[in-house]
Amino acid sequence: MHLSTLPFDTITDQTASDRLSLRDQTAQFFKQRPNQWIPAATLSQFGIGGWRTRVSEVRRDLGMNIENRQRRLKNRMVISEYRYVARREVPNA
């Protein structure tokens, strides 16, 4: 059988439903690092120029609490950092 006649999901070892979207990869990345400030440069792995959109989607679509701060370094350079702050679950009374 010629490669071009194979269904897409047989060409790779992952089906489309197994692959995470960039939004979901971003959410997973933050959830694995709660309360840890992450430099914006690190987040560029979720789309150069598009990582800000991924952070926005995580906030809007998934309701995650992502905080942002800007910090001035000793060399006077300003960097932007983000962190995920998990909300406390309120038990049903």
Protein backbone atom coordinates (compact mmCIF):
# COMPACT_ATOMS: atom_id res chain seq x y z
CA MET A 1 0.00 0.00 0.00
CA HIS A 2 1.32 3.44 -0.90
CA LEU A 3 1.96 5.78 2.05
CA SER A 4 -0.36 8.48 0.68
CA THR A 5 -3.32 6.05 0.75
CA LEU A 6 -2.97 5.24 4.45
CA PRO A 7 -5.37 6.90 6.88
CA PHE A 8 -3.67 9.73 8.77
CA ASP A 9 -3.79 8.07 12.19
CA THR A 10 -2.03 4.92 10.90
CA ILE A 11 0.98 6.97 9.77
CA THR A 12 1.73 8.14 13.30
CA ASP A 13 1.62 6.19 16.54
CA GLN A 14 -0.82 8.69 18.04
CA THR A 15 -4.37 9.38 17.01
CA ALA A 16 -5.66 12.94 16.90
CA SER A 17 -7.55 12.38 20.18
CA ASP A 18 -4.31 11.29 21.92
CA ARG A 19 -2.44 14.49 21.08
CA LEU A 20 -2.93 17.47 23.36
CA SER A 21 -3.65 20.89 21.89
CA LEU A 22 -1.16 23.66 22.65
CA ARG A 23 -3.74 25.07 25.08
CA ASP A 24 -3.94 21.75 26.93
CA GLN A 25 -0.15 21.32 26.88
CA THR A 26 0.15 24.80 28.41
CA ALA A 27 -2.42 23.96 31.10
CA GLN A 28 -0.62 20.71 31.92
CA PHE A 29 2.72 22.56 32.12
CA PHE A 30 1.30 25.05 34.66
CA LYS A 31 -0.49 22.35 36.70
CA GLN A 32 2.80 20.49 37.09
CA ARG A 33 4.35 23.67 38.53
CA PRO A 34 1.80 25.24 40.91
CA ASN A 35 2.84 28.54 42.53
CA GLN A 36 6.11 28.55 40.58
CA TRP A 37 6.97 31.70 38.64
CA ILE A 38 7.78 30.77 35.03
CA PRO A 39 9.64 33.22 32.77
CA ALA A 40 7.75 34.19 29.62
CA ALA A 41 10.72 32.99 27.55
CA THR A 42 10.08 29.46 28.82
CA LEU A 43 6.46 29.63 27.68
CA SER A 44 7.53 30.26 24.08
CA GLN A 45 7.64 26.47 23.65
CA PHE A 46 3.83 26.68 23.34
CA GLY A 47 4.06 28.76 20.20
CA ILE A 48 6.54 31.50 19.46
CA GLY A 49 4.42 34.62 19.44
CA GLY A 50 1.37 32.52 20.30
CA TRP A 51 2.12 31.62 23.90
CA ARG A 52 0.21 34.66 25.17
CA THR A 53 -2.86 33.34 23.38
CA ARG A 54 -2.35 29.91 25.01
CA VAL A 55 -2.17 31.53 28.48
CA SER A 56 -5.33 33.52 27.71
CA GLU A 57 -7.13 30.36 26.53
CA VAL A 58 -6.10 28.50 29.69
CA ARG A 59 -7.55 31.32 31.78
CA ARG A 60 -10.73 31.75 29.75
CA ASP A 61 -11.57 28.22 28.62
CA LEU A 62 -10.34 26.21 31.60
CA GLY A 63 -10.86 28.76 34.37
CA MET A 64 -7.30 28.43 35.64
CA ASN A 65 -5.95 31.23 37.83
CA ILE A 66 -2.78 32.34 36.02
CA GLU A 67 -1.04 35.36 37.55
CA ASN A 68 1.45 37.65 35.84
CA ARG A 69 4.18 39.86 37.21
CA GLN A 70 6.97 41.94 35.77
CA ARG A 71 10.28 41.96 37.56
CA ARG A 72 13.30 44.20 37.08
CA LEU A 73 16.62 42.39 37.21
CA LYS A 74 19.84 43.86 38.59
CA ASN A 75 20.95 44.68 35.03
CA ARG A 76 17.73 46.79 34.79
CA MET A 77 16.17 44.40 32.29
CA VAL A 78 12.47 43.71 32.90
CA ILE A 79 11.16 40.17 32.56
CA SER A 80 7.60 38.90 32.61
CA GLU A 81 6.69 35.81 34.62
CA TYR A 82 3.55 33.73 35.03
CA ARG A 83 2.34 31.26 37.65
CA TYR A 84 -0.64 29.01 38.23
CA VAL A 85 -2.36 29.39 41.58
CA ALA A 86 -4.73 26.50 42.26
CA ARG A 87 -8.06 27.50 43.72
CA ARG A 88 -9.05 25.84 46.94
CA GLU A 89 -11.77 23.26 46.58
CA VAL A 90 -14.66 24.03 48.91
CA PRO A 91 -16.17 20.78 50.25
CA ASN A 92 -19.96 20.47 50.12
CA ALA A 93 -21.43 21.20 53.52
